[in-house]
Protein backbone atom coordinates (compact mmCIF):
# COMPACT_ATOMS: atom_id res chain seq x y z
CA MET A 1 -93.02 -5.55 -146.14
CA THR A 2 -90.65 -2.91 -144.75
CA GLY A 3 -90.92 0.67 -145.95
CA HIS A 4 -87.44 0.48 -147.46
CA LEU A 5 -88.20 -2.70 -149.43
CA LYS A 6 -91.50 -1.28 -150.64
CA SER A 7 -89.75 1.91 -151.79
CA ASP A 8 -87.17 -0.14 -153.70
CA ILE A 9 -89.91 -2.13 -155.45
CA VAL A 10 -91.79 1.06 -156.40
CA ASP A 11 -88.63 2.69 -157.74
CA SER A 12 -87.84 -0.44 -159.74
CA LEU A 13 -91.35 -0.56 -161.23
CA PHE A 14 -91.29 3.15 -162.07
CA THR A 15 -87.87 2.86 -163.73
CA ARG A 16 -89.01 -0.15 -165.75
CA LEU A 17 -92.21 1.58 -166.87
CA PHE A 18 -91.00 5.11 -167.61
CA LEU A 19 -87.24 5.56 -167.32
CA SER A 20 -85.79 2.60 -169.20
CA GLY A 21 -85.95 4.40 -172.55
CA ASP A 22 -88.00 1.60 -174.07
CA PHE A 23 -91.52 0.21 -173.94
CA VAL A 24 -92.93 -2.49 -171.68
CA LEU A 25 -94.88 -4.98 -173.77
CA ASP A 26 -97.67 -5.23 -171.20
CA PRO A 27 -97.40 -2.48 -168.57
CA TYR A 28 -100.80 -3.14 -166.98
CA PRO A 29 -99.67 -5.77 -164.42
CA ASP A 30 -97.00 -3.30 -163.26
CA TYR A 31 -99.62 -0.58 -162.85
CA GLU A 32 -101.71 -2.97 -160.78
CA GLU A 33 -98.68 -3.77 -158.62
CA LEU A 34 -98.14 -0.05 -158.00
CA ARG A 35 -101.79 0.24 -157.03
CA ARG A 36 -101.52 -2.75 -154.69
CA LEU A 37 -98.48 -1.29 -152.98
CA GLY A 38 -100.24 1.95 -152.08
CA ARG A 39 -102.38 4.84 -153.10
CA ALA A 40 -99.51 7.24 -153.85
CA HIS A 41 -95.76 6.80 -154.05
CA GLN A 42 -92.90 9.27 -153.93
CA VAL A 43 -90.21 7.85 -156.19
CA ALA A 44 -86.49 8.56 -156.32
CA GLY A 45 -86.07 12.16 -157.39
CA GLY A 46 -89.08 13.33 -155.42
CA ALA A 47 -91.96 12.98 -157.88
CA TRP A 48 -95.25 11.55 -156.67
CA VAL A 49 -96.97 8.81 -158.68
CA VAL A 50 -100.74 8.29 -158.45
CA THR A 51 -102.73 5.50 -160.10
CA ALA A 52 -106.24 5.77 -158.59
CA TYR A 53 -108.92 7.37 -160.75
CA ARG A 54 -110.04 9.72 -157.96
CA ASP A 55 -106.50 10.96 -157.31
CA CYS A 56 -105.69 11.37 -160.99
CA ILE A 57 -108.83 13.37 -161.68
CA ALA A 58 -108.20 15.50 -158.58
CA VAL A 59 -104.75 16.48 -159.83
CA LEU A 60 -105.94 17.24 -163.36
CA ARG A 61 -108.70 19.58 -162.24
CA ASP A 62 -107.08 21.28 -159.22
CA PRO A 63 -105.87 24.84 -160.03
CA ARG A 64 -103.12 24.46 -157.46
CA PHE A 65 -101.38 22.23 -160.02
CA GLY A 66 -99.96 23.37 -163.32
CA ASN A 67 -96.88 23.25 -165.50
CA ASP A 68 -93.57 24.58 -164.17
CA ILE A 69 -91.89 25.41 -167.47
CA GLU A 70 -88.53 26.12 -165.85
CA ALA A 71 -88.51 22.79 -164.00
CA VAL A 72 -89.52 20.87 -167.14
CA GLY A 73 -86.87 22.62 -169.22
CA ARG A 74 -84.13 21.94 -166.69
CA ALA A 75 -85.15 18.29 -166.34
CA LYS A 76 -84.84 17.76 -170.08
CA GLY A 77 -82.07 20.13 -171.10
CA GLY A 78 -80.21 21.29 -168.00
CA ALA A 79 -79.66 24.87 -166.85
CA SER A 80 -79.09 26.05 -170.43
CA TRP A 81 -82.32 24.49 -171.73
CA ARG A 82 -83.34 27.73 -173.48
CA GLU A 83 -80.48 27.19 -175.93
CA HIS A 84 -82.45 24.22 -177.30
CA ASN A 85 -85.09 25.42 -179.73
CA SER A 86 -87.05 22.19 -179.27
CA LEU A 87 -87.47 22.91 -175.55
CA VAL A 88 -88.34 26.53 -176.30
CA MET A 89 -91.02 25.21 -178.68
CA LEU A 90 -92.28 22.83 -176.00
CA SER A 91 -92.43 25.62 -173.42
CA GLY A 92 -94.48 27.75 -175.81
CA MET A 93 -97.12 25.14 -176.58
CA MET A 94 -100.64 25.40 -175.16
CA LEU A 95 -100.27 22.10 -173.29
CA MET A 96 -97.57 23.73 -171.15
CA ALA A 97 -99.50 26.97 -170.55
CA ASN A 98 -101.05 27.99 -167.22
CA PRO A 99 -103.86 30.47 -166.59
CA PRO A 100 -104.49 33.08 -167.83
CA ARG A 101 -102.41 32.36 -170.95
CA HIS A 102 -103.88 28.87 -171.33
CA GLY A 103 -107.42 30.22 -171.25
CA THR A 104 -106.64 32.76 -173.97
CA LEU A 105 -105.09 30.18 -176.30
CA HIS A 106 -107.70 27.54 -175.54
CA SER A 107 -110.62 29.86 -176.23
CA ARG A 108 -109.07 30.96 -179.50
CA VAL A 109 -108.57 27.39 -180.80
CA SER A 110 -111.76 25.97 -179.31
CA ALA A 111 -113.71 28.67 -181.14
CA GLU A 112 -112.57 26.97 -184.35
CA PHE A 113 -113.15 23.37 -183.19
CA THR A 114 -116.89 23.86 -183.43
CA PRO A 115 -119.36 21.03 -184.10
CA ALA A 116 -119.97 22.62 -187.51
CA ARG A 117 -116.28 22.48 -188.47
CA ILE A 118 -115.95 18.92 -187.19
CA GLY A 119 -119.10 18.01 -189.11
CA ARG A 120 -117.58 19.40 -192.30
CA VAL A 121 -114.44 17.29 -191.94
CA LYS A 122 -116.28 14.03 -191.20
CA PRO A 123 -117.07 13.29 -194.88
CA GLU A 124 -113.35 13.63 -195.63
CA ILE A 125 -112.53 11.25 -192.77
CA GLU A 126 -115.01 8.71 -194.12
CA ARG A 127 -113.76 9.12 -197.70
CA VAL A 128 -110.08 8.67 -196.81
CA ALA A 129 -110.81 5.82 -194.38
CA LYS A 130 -112.73 3.94 -197.07
CA GLU A 131 -110.03 4.55 -199.67
CA LEU A 132 -107.32 3.19 -197.36
CA TYR A 133 -109.48 0.27 -196.25
CA LEU A 134 -110.27 -0.76 -199.83
CA GLY A 135 -106.55 -0.68 -200.60
CA LEU A 136 -105.84 -3.02 -197.69
CA ARG A 137 -108.68 -5.29 -198.71
CA ALA A 138 -107.62 -5.43 -202.37
CA ARG A 139 -104.10 -6.47 -201.28
CA GLY A 140 -105.35 -9.00 -198.74
CA GLY A 141 -103.78 -7.04 -195.92
CA GLY A 142 -100.58 -5.15 -195.25
CA ASP A 143 -99.06 -3.07 -192.49
CA PHE A 144 -102.04 -1.48 -190.75
CA ILE A 145 -99.83 1.34 -189.45
CA SER A 146 -98.05 2.48 -192.62
CA ASP A 147 -100.98 1.64 -194.92
CA TYR A 148 -103.78 3.06 -192.77
CA ALA A 149 -103.26 4.34 -189.22
CA ASP A 150 -100.30 6.54 -190.14
CA VAL A 151 -102.13 8.05 -193.12
CA LEU A 152 -105.69 8.76 -191.97
CA PRO A 153 -104.76 11.17 -189.11
CA LEU A 154 -102.37 13.11 -191.35
CA ARG A 155 -104.90 13.50 -194.15
CA THR A 156 -107.51 14.52 -191.57
CA ILE A 157 -105.40 17.20 -189.91
CA HIS A 158 -104.39 18.52 -193.32
CA ALA A 159 -108.09 19.05 -194.03
CA VAL A 160 -108.71 20.69 -190.64
CA LEU A 161 -105.74 23.04 -190.85
CA GLY A 162 -106.26 23.81 -194.52
CA ILE A 163 -102.94 22.55 -195.87
CA PRO A 164 -103.25 22.64 -199.67
CA ASP A 165 -102.09 19.73 -201.82
CA SER A 166 -99.12 21.77 -203.05
CA HIS A 167 -97.88 22.15 -199.45
CA ARG A 168 -98.49 18.63 -198.14
CA THR A 169 -94.97 17.98 -196.97
CA GLU A 170 -95.61 15.61 -194.10
CA LEU A 171 -94.01 16.33 -190.76
CA ARG A 172 -94.46 12.78 -189.50
CA GLN A 173 -90.80 11.98 -188.78
CA GLN A 174 -90.09 15.43 -187.36
CA THR A 175 -93.13 15.08 -185.11
CA LEU A 176 -92.11 11.63 -183.88
CA THR A 177 -88.59 12.95 -183.20
CA PHE A 178 -89.97 15.91 -181.27
CA ASN A 179 -92.30 13.70 -179.25
CA ALA A 180 -89.36 11.98 -177.59
CA LEU A 181 -89.40 15.07 -175.35
CA PHE A 182 -92.60 13.78 -173.74
CA GLU A 183 -90.80 10.76 -172.32
CA ARG A 184 -90.00 10.74 -168.60
CA SER A 185 -86.34 10.12 -169.44
CA VAL A 186 -84.80 12.13 -172.30
CA THR A 187 -81.22 11.84 -173.54
CA ALA A 188 -79.01 14.65 -174.85
CA ALA A 189 -79.04 12.96 -178.26
CA GLN A 190 -82.84 13.01 -178.33
CA VAL A 191 -82.91 16.71 -177.47
CA ALA A 192 -80.35 17.45 -180.19
CA ALA A 193 -82.41 15.50 -182.74
CA ALA A 194 -85.55 17.35 -181.63
CA ASP A 195 -83.75 20.66 -182.16
CA LEU A 196 -83.10 19.77 -185.80
CA ALA A 197 -86.69 18.60 -186.23
CA VAL A 198 -88.04 21.87 -184.84
CA ASP A 199 -86.02 23.86 -187.39
CA GLU A 200 -87.95 22.10 -190.15
CA ILE A 201 -91.27 22.33 -188.31
CA ARG A 202 -90.96 26.08 -187.79
CA ALA A 203 -89.93 26.73 -191.39
CA TYR A 204 -92.81 24.67 -192.76
CA LEU A 205 -95.54 26.14 -190.56
CA SER A 206 -94.25 29.69 -191.03
CA GLU A 207 -94.47 29.21 -194.80
CA LEU A 208 -98.03 27.91 -194.46
CA LEU A 209 -99.04 30.94 -192.41
CA VAL A 210 -97.71 33.26 -195.10
CA TYR A 211 -99.54 31.25 -197.75
CA ARG A 212 -102.86 31.43 -195.92
CA ARG A 213 -102.49 35.12 -195.11
CA ASN A 214 -102.30 35.73 -198.84
CA ARG A 215 -104.98 33.15 -199.73
CA PRO A 216 -107.39 32.91 -196.76
CA ALA A 217 -109.93 30.10 -196.72
CA ASP A 218 -112.36 28.44 -194.29
CA ASP A 219 -109.74 26.55 -192.28
CA LEU A 220 -107.92 26.69 -188.97
CA ILE A 221 -104.68 28.22 -190.27
CA SER A 222 -106.55 31.08 -191.93
CA ALA A 223 -108.66 31.67 -188.80
CA LEU A 224 -105.63 31.78 -186.50
CA ALA A 225 -103.65 33.97 -188.91
CA SER A 226 -106.58 36.39 -189.03
CA ALA A 227 -106.85 36.37 -185.23
CA SER A 228 -103.16 37.19 -184.97
CA GLU A 229 -103.48 40.12 -187.36
CA ALA A 230 -106.39 41.40 -185.24
CA GLY A 231 -104.24 41.20 -182.11
CA ALA A 232 -106.16 38.30 -180.53
CA ILE A 233 -103.08 36.04 -180.59
CA ALA A 234 -99.46 37.14 -180.33
CA THR A 235 -97.49 36.39 -183.50
CA GLU A 236 -94.93 34.32 -181.59
CA GLU A 237 -97.75 32.09 -180.30
CA LEU A 238 -98.89 30.97 -183.75
CA VAL A 239 -96.33 28.36 -184.75
CA PRO A 240 -96.30 26.54 -181.36
CA LEU A 241 -100.11 26.61 -181.36
CA LEU A 242 -100.40 25.20 -184.87
CA PHE A 243 -97.78 22.56 -184.16
CA GLN A 244 -99.62 21.42 -181.06
CA VAL A 245 -102.82 20.97 -183.08
CA TYR A 246 -100.91 19.09 -185.80
CA ASN A 247 -99.01 16.98 -183.29
CA ALA A 248 -101.96 16.08 -181.07
CA ALA A 249 -103.99 15.05 -184.10
CA TYR A 250 -101.29 12.79 -185.53
CA GLN A 251 -99.31 10.39 -183.32
CA THR A 252 -101.91 9.87 -180.61
CA THR A 253 -104.60 9.07 -183.20
CA MET A 254 -102.26 6.80 -185.14
CA SER A 255 -101.53 4.92 -181.93
CA LEU A 256 -105.20 4.85 -180.93
CA LEU A 257 -106.14 3.20 -184.22
CA GLY A 258 -103.36 0.62 -183.99
CA ASN A 259 -103.97 -0.18 -180.32
CA SER A 260 -107.70 -0.56 -180.95
CA LEU A 261 -107.31 -3.05 -183.79
CA TRP A 262 -104.70 -4.98 -181.80
CA GLN A 263 -107.00 -5.31 -178.82
CA LEU A 264 -109.94 -6.40 -180.99
CA MET A 265 -107.81 -9.08 -182.65
CA ARG A 266 -106.81 -10.26 -179.16
CA ASN A 267 -110.45 -10.25 -178.07
CA PRO A 268 -112.29 -11.80 -181.05
CA SER A 269 -115.57 -12.18 -179.15
CA GLN A 270 -115.72 -8.39 -178.75
CA PHE A 271 -114.92 -7.92 -182.43
CA THR A 272 -117.81 -10.27 -183.22
CA ARG A 273 -120.17 -8.18 -181.08
CA ILE A 274 -119.40 -5.07 -183.13
CA ARG A 275 -119.78 -6.98 -186.39
CA HIS A 276 -123.29 -8.05 -185.50
CA ASP A 277 -124.50 -4.94 -183.67
CA ALA A 278 -123.67 -1.55 -185.18
CA SER A 279 -125.33 0.17 -182.21
CA LEU A 280 -122.22 -0.77 -180.19
CA LEU A 281 -119.86 1.38 -182.28
CA ASP A 282 -120.00 4.43 -180.03
CA SER A 283 -119.53 2.52 -176.78
CA ALA A 284 -116.80 0.44 -178.45
CA CYS A 285 -114.88 3.63 -179.25
CA GLU A 286 -115.13 4.80 -175.62
CA GLU A 287 -114.06 1.40 -174.33
CA LEU A 288 -111.07 1.05 -176.65
CA VAL A 289 -109.87 4.55 -175.74
CA ARG A 290 -110.13 3.59 -172.05
CA PHE A 291 -108.64 0.14 -172.33
CA ASP A 292 -105.28 0.83 -174.01
CA PRO A 293 -104.62 4.59 -174.31
CA PRO A 294 -101.82 6.03 -176.45
CA VAL A 295 -100.67 8.44 -173.74
CA GLN A 296 -99.90 6.47 -170.59
CA SER A 297 -99.19 9.31 -168.18
CA THR A 298 -99.02 13.05 -167.74
CA GLY A 299 -97.57 15.29 -165.05
CA ARG A 300 -98.35 18.44 -163.08
CA HIS A 301 -96.33 20.55 -160.66
CA ALA A 302 -97.74 21.80 -157.37
CA PHE A 303 -97.67 25.60 -157.04
CA VAL A 304 -98.18 25.63 -153.25
CA ASP A 305 -97.90 23.34 -150.24
CA PHE A 306 -101.16 21.54 -149.52
CA ASP A 307 -102.74 18.25 -148.55
CA LEU A 308 -104.28 16.44 -151.53
CA ASP A 309 -106.76 14.27 -149.67
CA GLY A 310 -104.04 12.84 -147.47
CA ILE A 311 -101.11 13.15 -149.89
CA PRO A 312 -98.65 15.76 -148.49
CA VAL A 313 -97.78 17.69 -151.65
CA ARG A 314 -95.23 20.49 -151.43
CA ALA A 315 -94.67 23.42 -153.78
CA GLY A 316 -92.51 22.32 -156.67
CA ASP A 317 -93.40 18.64 -156.37
CA MET A 318 -94.32 16.90 -159.60
CA VAL A 319 -97.27 14.53 -159.50
CA ILE A 320 -97.30 11.95 -162.28
CA VAL A 321 -100.83 10.96 -163.21
CA VAL A 322 -100.78 7.43 -164.64
CA ILE A 323 -103.78 7.71 -166.98
CA ALA A 324 -103.56 4.09 -168.13
CA ALA A 325 -103.76 2.88 -164.53
CA ALA A 326 -106.64 5.21 -163.64
CA ASN A 327 -108.55 3.83 -166.62
CA ARG A 328 -108.37 0.38 -165.02
CA ASP A 329 -109.12 1.34 -161.44
CA PRO A 330 -111.41 -1.37 -159.98
CA GLU A 331 -113.01 1.24 -157.70
CA ARG A 332 -114.24 3.04 -160.84
CA TYR A 333 -114.86 0.21 -163.30
CA PHE A 334 -116.26 -3.29 -162.93
CA ALA A 335 -113.77 -5.90 -164.20
CA PRO A 336 -111.57 -3.13 -165.64
CA ALA A 337 -109.02 -5.50 -167.21
CA ARG A 338 -111.74 -7.00 -169.42
CA LEU A 339 -112.47 -5.41 -172.78
CA ASP A 340 -116.24 -4.88 -173.02
CA VAL A 341 -117.38 -2.97 -176.11
CA GLY A 342 -120.83 -2.51 -174.59
CA ARG A 343 -119.55 -1.22 -171.24
CA GLY A 344 -120.79 2.38 -171.21
CA GLY A 345 -120.51 4.24 -167.90
CA PRO A 346 -117.82 6.77 -166.91
CA ALA A 347 -115.31 7.83 -169.52
CA GLY A 348 -111.63 7.15 -169.01
CA LEU A 349 -108.98 9.86 -168.74
CA SER A 350 -107.30 9.14 -172.07
CA TYR A 351 -108.26 12.54 -173.50
CA GLY A 352 -107.35 14.29 -170.27
CA TYR A 353 -109.63 16.12 -167.88
CA GLY A 354 -110.28 19.70 -166.87
CA PRO A 355 -108.63 22.68 -168.60
CA HIS A 356 -106.30 20.52 -170.69
CA TYR A 357 -108.96 18.19 -172.06
CA CYS A 358 -108.00 17.31 -175.65
CA LEU A 359 -109.58 19.67 -178.18
CA GLY A 360 -109.29 17.07 -180.91
CA ALA A 361 -111.09 14.28 -179.03
CA ALA A 362 -114.16 14.47 -181.28
CA ILE A 363 -112.05 14.26 -184.44
CA ALA A 364 -110.03 11.32 -183.09
CA ASN A 365 -113.25 9.53 -182.17
CA ALA A 366 -114.66 10.19 -185.63
CA GLN A 367 -111.61 8.50 -187.16
CA LEU A 368 -111.84 5.53 -184.80
CA ARG A 369 -115.57 5.12 -185.42
CA SER A 370 -115.16 5.23 -189.21
CA THR A 371 -112.35 2.68 -188.93
CA LEU A 372 -114.35 0.29 -186.76
CA GLN A 373 -117.36 0.58 -189.03
CA LEU A 374 -115.24 -0.58 -191.98
CA LEU A 375 -113.26 -3.27 -190.17
CA ALA A 376 -116.40 -4.73 -188.59
CA ASP A 377 -117.70 -5.96 -191.95
CA PRO A 378 -119.31 -9.32 -191.03
CA GLY A 379 -117.85 -10.94 -194.14
CA LEU A 380 -114.27 -9.97 -193.31
CA LEU A 381 -111.70 -11.90 -191.32
CA ILE A 382 -108.79 -9.89 -189.87
CA GLU A 383 -105.81 -11.67 -188.36
CA PRO A 384 -102.23 -10.81 -187.36
CA ASP A 385 -99.81 -11.64 -190.16
CA GLY A 386 -96.28 -11.37 -188.85
CA GLN A 387 -94.40 -9.69 -186.05
CA ALA A 388 -96.01 -6.57 -184.61
CA VAL A 389 -93.42 -3.93 -183.64
CA ARG A 390 -94.06 -1.49 -180.83
CA LEU A 391 -92.94 2.13 -180.90
CA ALA A 392 -89.71 2.51 -178.94
CA SER A 393 -91.47 4.68 -176.40
CA ALA A 394 -92.38 4.29 -172.75
CA ASN A 395 -95.01 7.01 -172.41
CA MET A 396 -96.50 6.93 -175.92
CA ARG A 397 -97.94 3.44 -176.36
CA GLY A 398 -98.49 2.37 -179.94
CA PHE A 399 -97.17 0.38 -182.87
CA ALA A 400 -94.54 1.15 -185.47
CA HIS A 401 -95.70 -1.85 -187.53
CA LEU A 402 -98.82 -4.00 -187.29
CA PRO A 403 -99.00 -6.51 -190.17
CA ILE A 404 -102.45 -7.97 -190.78
CA ALA A 405 -104.11 -10.36 -193.23
CA LEU A 406 -107.60 -9.73 -194.58
CA SER A 407 -109.71 -12.49 -196.09
CA GLU A 408 -113.30 -13.40 -196.76
CA ARG A 409 -114.85 -15.44 -193.99
CA ALA A 410 -115.56 -18.15 -196.56
CA GLY A 411 -111.79 -18.49 -196.90
CA ARG A 412 -111.14 -16.70 -200.18
CA VAL A 413 -108.33 -14.20 -199.84
CA THR A 414 -109.33 -10.82 -201.25
CA ARG A 415 -106.30 -10.04 -203.35
């Protein structure tokens, strides 16, 4: 294959996967084709794409990579990107921060994501999960997304943040609208819609901060508001920081729950293993997170010219880390395209790696584990019941609708 032909194929695959503005039903064969064509590829526009586990992990942990806020802003909003409040919000979030600012924000939030705090929220996760599950079971099924996976993460993050019942105006649609900014290809209409969404997000979170300053409690909003008053966090950092926590805890977990159930329904033998062996729950969670992650890729910019183990990276280059491909690297995992709930071994990169490892990973896992424990009832049969609808997203892989039927294994529908 000539270099020119190979380059055309790579560009075509990359466009199909990340720039088409829509999802690919099964992107994994395309990732494997990228891997087969070479270790690293420089696509049209200059960005590098890496799919191997060792290269992805090298980029995520190397301090010579970070986030070039100006380059990201210009790519999504042009030279006047600072006129878009959604892009200003994005630029202010912890996920876009570099040292030393990232370390300051991370240490402040991680101080609140203690095992004790996570332990206190687990009973609420289990209570809400059971309530939603019993509702599905009483109705004989429903839309797993709207009736369960969309609700549990929101109720959980409300408990973590300390959002009182009187203030539980959900930001789900505003969050989904904002998250279009994480796509590799963003339209002017999407940026404009995100601007409107951010107006509502800022107003809501600012009101919550005022509420908690006047009525402090043992929750994350109160802790961060107190830290701000003590000078540990700049006031202008608070809303972007709170929104990142809210955002990261919502759509990714919703998609994780939906993807996990979908894969178990497609692999009934693995579902059966969990039903008959509760000791597999923890490894099943790790495997499902690896196998079909909500976030398919992330990116970093090089700060200097250097050689990344043979890849000639230059200052300003973006390297796109394809997490979903790294999670199925045959050099890292045996039979990586096979779902194996008892796999164990090295964790995937679905929660990130290095400084930007997801703070909410333990809470997301707690929700997935509680969900699997309920759905793995040996007396329950779970089947697809209609057309599943994917989110119209290339980089955020999940479902908008996932209709399921629940019945007793003896055949009696539990309505």
